[in-house]
Amino acid sequence: MNRHTHTPPLPCVLHAVIGQEGKPHDEPGNGEMRHQIERALKRATFVIEGYQGQLVRHQGGEMLALFPEVEDAIISSCEMVSRIAQLPPVLGTRLSLRVGLQCGEAEISGDTLIGEAVAIASGLLGQAAPGQILAGHRTLSALQPGLRHVLRPIVLRPDQGAAHDSAVLEVICQGVAGGRIIPSAPLEPEPQLRLTNDRHEFLLDASSRGLSLGRDPECDVLIHDPRASRRHAWIGHRKHGFILADSSTNGTFVTFADGSEHMVKHAELPLSGNGNIAFGEDFDEGPRDVFQFEIHEK
């Protein structure tokens, strides 16, 4: 006789912060703003408890809660983000909610939560933008298939720091109606450029400020080839895509996947697909520093 064992659902940790848009959460502002944060906290507490969650700790605008099931944690997060965003502004400033979620072992200890899932949720909270809900990869595996469409993988920029969890997911929703998530409209894919060599890796998207490359130690990417200029080139995103802008003495050499090679000197070159970049000398001369680039939709 076959026996089926039922695996109990993993609990889900929610770490969230209510704050003023454009200001750190530990700047409560004036008394009117503090009162508004208290209103937001009451709304959030009502939502958490309505979805079987337990608010273990709250201080100022910070909340730490535990849910027996991940579905309730995600739905409550969406509803809290929506409800807090609907509060009227105070002195022209609105409140917003940032959320980090992670499923895994966690337990209540006194007036707080402990466990690996707590650390991961806190790390994701630190990376979330106002109004954003970030979740770790175990959240996806614990989620019922019917809700997985509200999660999408994202790549964090290097300036956002390293996540505690290698895979980061974003919850995309407009709000909650009748206990069901209203999904956001599908997002247009955004291009990313990955620049690598045998020592380094850089990731750019449309919102990045770009990378300066050259022998100058102040450059974002240090080039060691003596034929490279101190401020040799810049790679970044413009309105119509990624470009390489050369400002060097000896030029920049770019090969594309189709085998074509371009020499750029005091000019700009649109980048597409994938290829290689050398600085100050072409590929036949055996340049010291060669970078590979790859552009794809994230």
Protein backbone atom coordinates (compact mmCIF):
# COMPACT_ATOMS: atom_id res chain seq x y z
CA MET A 1 0.00 0.00 0.00
CA ASN A 2 1.36 3.42 -0.97
CA ARG A 3 1.49 5.96 1.79
CA HIS A 4 1.57 9.68 1.09
CA THR A 5 3.15 12.00 3.61
CA HIS A 6 2.01 15.58 3.88
CA THR A 7 4.78 18.16 4.25
CA PRO A 8 3.59 21.05 6.40
CA PRO A 9 3.96 24.48 4.79
CA LEU A 10 7.01 26.53 5.67
CA PRO A 11 6.32 29.61 7.76
CA CYS A 12 7.07 32.95 6.12
CA VAL A 13 8.86 35.89 7.73
CA LEU A 14 7.80 39.42 6.81
CA HIS A 15 10.10 42.33 7.63
CA ALA A 16 8.71 45.70 6.59
CA VAL A 17 9.29 49.41 7.12
CA ILE A 18 6.88 52.32 6.75
CA GLY A 19 8.67 55.49 5.75
CA GLN A 20 8.47 58.78 3.93
CA GLU A 21 9.23 58.56 0.24
CA GLY A 22 12.70 59.94 -0.37
CA LYS A 23 13.78 59.77 3.29
CA PRO A 24 15.29 57.04 5.48
CA HIS A 25 12.72 55.27 7.62
CA ASP A 26 14.42 56.47 10.81
CA GLU A 27 13.54 60.10 10.02
CA PRO A 28 9.95 60.35 11.31
CA GLY A 29 9.66 64.06 10.55
CA ASN A 30 7.29 66.27 12.56
CA GLY A 31 4.48 65.28 14.91
CA GLU A 32 1.93 65.22 12.10
CA MET A 33 4.07 62.79 10.14
CA ARG A 34 4.59 60.57 13.19
CA HIS A 35 0.80 60.48 13.61
CA GLN A 36 0.45 59.46 9.97
CA ILE A 37 2.97 56.64 10.47
CA GLU A 38 0.92 55.44 13.45
CA ARG A 39 -2.19 55.41 11.23
CA ALA A 40 -0.30 53.38 8.63
CA LEU A 41 0.90 50.97 11.31
CA LYS A 42 -2.69 50.39 12.47
CA ARG A 43 -3.72 49.63 8.89
CA ALA A 44 -0.82 47.23 8.48
CA THR A 45 -1.54 45.47 11.78
CA PHE A 46 -5.18 45.00 10.79
CA VAL A 47 -4.12 43.44 7.47
CA ILE A 48 -1.48 41.16 9.04
CA GLU A 49 -3.90 39.79 11.60
CA GLY A 50 -6.63 39.44 8.97
CA TYR A 51 -4.40 37.03 7.03
CA GLN A 52 -3.48 34.86 10.03
CA GLY A 53 -0.17 36.61 10.61
CA GLN A 54 1.35 37.41 13.98
CA LEU A 55 2.97 40.81 14.48
CA VAL A 56 5.88 39.86 16.69
CA ARG A 57 7.63 43.23 16.89
CA HIS A 58 7.01 46.79 15.83
CA GLN A 59 9.07 49.86 16.57
CA GLY A 60 8.41 53.18 14.91
CA GLY A 61 7.52 52.22 11.36
CA GLU A 62 9.31 48.86 11.43
CA MET A 63 7.38 45.57 11.60
CA LEU A 64 8.44 41.95 12.00
CA ALA A 65 5.72 39.35 11.49
CA LEU A 66 5.36 35.59 11.05
CA PHE A 67 2.81 33.89 8.78
CA PRO A 68 2.02 30.16 8.84
CA GLU A 69 1.74 30.12 5.01
CA VAL A 70 3.49 32.08 2.29
CA GLU A 71 0.29 32.83 0.34
CA ASP A 72 -1.08 34.86 3.24
CA ALA A 73 2.23 36.72 3.61
CA ILE A 74 2.26 37.74 -0.06
CA ILE A 75 -1.39 38.79 -0.20
CA SER A 76 -1.09 40.80 3.02
CA SER A 77 2.07 42.49 1.72
CA CYS A 78 0.28 43.59 -1.44
CA GLU A 79 -2.70 44.89 0.52
CA MET A 80 -0.49 46.78 2.99
CA VAL A 81 1.49 48.45 0.20
CA SER A 82 -1.76 49.52 -1.46
CA ARG A 83 -3.48 50.75 1.71
CA ILE A 84 -0.50 52.78 2.90
CA ALA A 85 -0.01 54.34 -0.54
CA GLN A 86 -3.64 55.55 -0.39
CA LEU A 87 -3.07 57.63 2.75
CA PRO A 88 -3.17 61.37 2.04
CA PRO A 89 0.19 63.17 1.91
CA VAL A 90 1.43 65.18 4.87
CA LEU A 91 3.20 68.43 3.95
CA GLY A 92 3.44 67.15 0.39
CA THR A 93 5.07 63.85 1.39
CA ARG A 94 3.48 60.42 1.09
CA LEU A 95 4.23 57.30 3.08
CA SER A 96 5.32 54.07 1.44
CA LEU A 97 6.07 50.52 2.53
CA ARG A 98 9.15 48.39 1.79
CA VAL A 99 8.92 44.63 2.38
CA GLY A 100 11.30 41.67 2.57
CA LEU A 101 9.85 38.12 2.61
CA GLN A 102 11.45 34.72 3.12
CA CYS A 103 10.12 31.25 3.88
CA GLY A 104 12.04 28.97 6.19
CA GLU A 105 12.65 28.05 9.76
CA ALA A 106 11.89 30.86 12.20
CA GLU A 107 10.72 30.98 15.76
CA ILE A 108 9.54 33.56 18.22
CA SER A 109 12.05 34.38 20.95
CA GLY A 110 10.75 36.91 23.43
CA ASP A 111 9.65 39.96 21.48
CA THR A 112 11.47 39.09 18.26
CA LEU A 113 12.01 36.40 15.64
CA ILE A 114 15.17 34.35 15.17
CA GLY A 115 16.33 32.05 12.38
CA GLU A 116 17.98 32.12 8.96
CA ALA A 117 14.76 33.22 7.25
CA VAL A 118 14.72 36.36 9.43
CA ALA A 119 18.22 37.37 8.32
CA ILE A 120 17.35 36.87 4.65
CA ALA A 121 14.07 38.81 4.92
CA SER A 122 15.94 41.67 6.63
CA GLY A 123 18.59 41.70 3.90
CA LEU A 124 15.92 41.88 1.21
CA LEU A 125 14.17 44.70 3.05
CA GLY A 126 17.40 46.67 2.98
CA GLN A 127 17.49 46.38 -0.82
CA ALA A 128 13.81 47.11 -1.50
CA ALA A 129 12.75 50.46 -2.94
CA PRO A 130 9.70 52.34 -1.59
CA GLY A 131 6.54 50.41 -2.49
CA GLN A 132 8.56 47.30 -3.44
CA ILE A 133 8.16 43.74 -2.11
CA LEU A 134 11.21 41.47 -2.45
CA ALA A 135 11.25 37.75 -1.68
CA GLY A 136 13.85 35.00 -1.51
CA HIS A 137 13.93 31.94 -3.77
CA ARG A 138 12.39 29.64 -1.13
CA THR A 139 9.27 31.78 -1.33
CA LEU A 140 8.69 30.65 -4.90
CA SER A 141 9.17 26.96 -4.16
CA ALA A 142 6.77 27.15 -1.19
CA LEU A 143 4.09 29.02 -3.14
CA GLN A 144 1.07 27.33 -4.72
CA PRO A 145 1.24 27.38 -8.55
CA GLY A 146 -1.82 29.62 -8.80
CA LEU A 147 0.05 32.57 -7.29
CA ARG A 148 3.47 32.16 -8.88
CA HIS A 149 2.56 34.52 -11.71
CA VAL A 150 2.88 37.50 -9.33
CA LEU A 151 6.60 36.82 -8.79
CA ARG A 152 9.33 37.75 -11.23
CA PRO A 153 13.09 37.31 -10.87
CA ILE A 154 15.16 40.48 -10.79
CA VAL A 155 18.87 41.25 -10.90
CA LEU A 156 20.03 43.77 -8.34
CA ARG A 157 22.62 46.32 -9.40
CA PRO A 158 26.05 46.00 -7.78
CA ASP A 159 25.55 49.32 -5.95
CA GLN A 160 22.62 47.72 -4.07
CA GLY A 161 24.92 45.27 -2.34
CA ALA A 162 24.82 41.48 -2.24
CA ALA A 163 21.64 39.78 -1.19
CA HIS A 164 21.68 37.18 1.57
CA ASP A 165 19.82 34.95 -0.88
CA SER A 166 21.33 34.28 -4.30
CA ALA A 167 17.99 34.53 -6.13
CA VAL A 168 15.76 37.56 -5.61
CA LEU A 169 12.12 37.82 -6.66
CA GLU A 170 9.83 40.82 -6.85
CA VAL A 171 6.11 40.64 -6.07
CA ILE A 172 4.24 42.59 -8.75
CA CYS A 173 0.69 43.61 -7.89
CA GLN A 174 -1.64 46.60 -7.93
CA GLY A 175 -3.52 45.68 -4.79
CA VAL A 176 -5.97 43.14 -3.38
CA ALA A 177 -9.70 42.72 -4.00
CA GLY A 178 -11.79 40.08 -2.27
CA GLY A 179 -8.70 38.40 -0.91
CA ARG A 180 -7.23 38.00 -4.41
CA ILE A 181 -4.19 39.80 -5.79
CA ILE A 182 -4.72 42.23 -8.66
CA PRO A 183 -1.64 41.62 -10.81
CA SER A 184 0.25 44.53 -12.31
CA ALA A 185 0.30 45.00 -16.04
CA PRO A 186 3.19 43.09 -17.62
CA LEU A 187 6.38 45.11 -17.60
CA GLU A 188 8.27 45.85 -20.75
CA PRO A 189 11.58 43.99 -20.62
CA GLU A 190 14.54 46.25 -19.89
CA PRO A 191 17.94 45.71 -21.47
CA GLN A 192 20.99 44.87 -19.40
CA LEU A 193 24.64 44.92 -20.38
CA ARG A 194 27.06 42.53 -18.70
CA LEU A 195 30.75 43.45 -18.99
CA THR A 196 33.30 40.83 -17.89
CA ASN A 197 36.92 39.77 -18.07
CA ASP A 198 38.90 37.15 -16.20
CA ARG A 199 38.90 39.26 -13.03
CA HIS A 200 35.75 41.39 -12.92
CA GLU A 201 32.07 41.52 -13.79
CA PHE A 202 29.91 44.63 -14.14
CA LEU A 203 26.16 44.88 -14.77
CA LEU A 204 24.45 47.92 -16.29
CA ASP A 205 20.81 48.72 -16.99
CA ALA A 206 18.94 51.75 -18.30
CA SER A 207 19.01 53.44 -14.88
CA SER A 208 22.74 52.96 -14.25
CA ARG A 209 25.04 55.98 -14.52
CA GLY A 210 27.46 54.09 -16.77
CA LEU A 211 31.09 53.00 -16.39
CA SER A 212 34.25 55.00 -17.00
CA LEU A 213 37.20 52.92 -18.24
CA GLY A 214 40.89 53.83 -18.32
CA ARG A 215 44.28 53.76 -16.58
CA ASP A 216 43.27 56.44 -14.09
CA PRO A 217 42.68 54.78 -10.68
CA GLU A 218 39.56 56.96 -10.33
CA CYS A 219 37.89 55.15 -13.27
CA ASP A 220 35.16 52.61 -12.51
CA VAL A 221 37.03 50.00 -14.58
CA LEU A 222 40.83 50.07 -14.37
CA ILE A 223 42.64 49.24 -17.64
CA HIS A 224 46.27 48.10 -17.28
CA ASP A 225 47.33 48.18 -20.93
CA PRO A 226 49.97 50.96 -21.33
CA ARG A 227 48.45 51.97 -24.69
CA ALA A 228 45.17 52.82 -23.02
CA SER A 229 44.49 56.44 -22.04
CA ARG A 230 43.93 57.54 -18.48
CA ARG A 231 40.31 58.38 -19.32
CA HIS A 232 39.86 56.04 -22.23
CA ALA A 233 36.13 55.38 -22.75
CA TRP A 234 32.66 55.31 -21.23
CA ILE A 235 29.97 52.65 -21.55
CA GLY A 236 26.38 53.39 -20.63
CA HIS A 237 22.77 53.64 -21.73
CA ARG A 238 21.27 56.40 -23.83
CA LYS A 239 17.75 56.80 -25.16
CA HIS A 240 18.11 54.21 -27.92
CA GLY A 241 20.35 51.66 -26.18
CA PHE A 242 23.85 51.03 -24.88
CA ILE A 243 26.81 52.87 -26.39
CA LEU A 244 30.58 52.99 -26.10
CA ALA A 245 31.99 56.56 -26.19
CA ASP A 246 35.74 56.80 -26.86
CA SER A 247 37.88 59.75 -25.69
CA SER A 248 41.32 58.11 -26.03
CA THR A 249 44.52 58.73 -27.98
CA ASN A 250 44.82 55.28 -29.54
CA GLY A 251 41.16 54.32 -29.91
CA THR A 252 38.96 51.41 -28.80
CA PHE A 253 38.48 48.21 -30.78
CA VAL A 254 35.19 46.33 -30.74
CA THR A 255 34.32 43.01 -32.37
CA PHE A 256 30.74 41.75 -32.63
CA ALA A 257 29.39 38.20 -32.79
CA ASP A 258 29.05 38.42 -36.58
CA GLY A 259 32.83 38.86 -36.88
CA SER A 260 32.77 42.56 -37.73
CA GLU A 261 35.43 44.75 -36.10
CA HIS A 262 35.18 48.49 -35.43
CA MET A 263 37.81 51.00 -34.38
CA VAL A 264 36.29 53.90 -32.42
CA LYS A 265 38.25 57.10 -31.76
CA HIS A 266 36.67 60.25 -30.32
CA ALA A 267 33.29 58.89 -31.39
CA GLU A 268 30.39 56.76 -30.17
CA LEU A 269 29.49 53.21 -31.17
CA PRO A 270 26.12 51.56 -30.45
CA LEU A 271 26.53 48.18 -28.74
CA SER A 272 24.26 45.23 -29.44
CA GLY A 273 24.27 41.47 -28.99
CA ASN A 274 27.67 40.37 -27.67
CA GLY A 275 31.32 40.84 -28.49
CA ASN A 276 34.77 41.87 -27.25
CA ILE A 277 36.39 45.22 -26.43
CA ALA A 278 40.11 46.06 -26.45
CA PHE A 279 41.74 49.36 -25.50
CA GLY A 280 44.52 51.12 -27.40
CA GLU A 281 45.46 48.25 -29.75
CA ASP A 282 43.55 45.87 -31.97
CA PHE A 283 43.08 42.18 -31.37
CA ASP A 284 45.86 41.12 -33.76
CA GLU A 285 48.40 42.86 -31.53
CA GLY A 286 47.47 40.81 -28.45
CA PRO A 287 46.00 43.50 -26.19
CA ARG A 288 46.58 43.08 -22.47
CA ASP A 289 43.03 43.89 -21.34
CA VAL A 290 40.08 42.40 -23.24
CA PHE A 291 36.52 42.64 -21.96
CA GLN A 292 33.50 40.67 -23.15
CA PHE A 293 30.09 42.32 -23.30
CA GLU A 294 26.64 40.77 -23.60
CA ILE A 295 23.32 42.59 -23.90
CA HIS A 296 20.07 40.85 -23.03
CA GLU A 297 16.57 41.62 -21.78
CA LYS A 298 16.10 41.14 -18.07
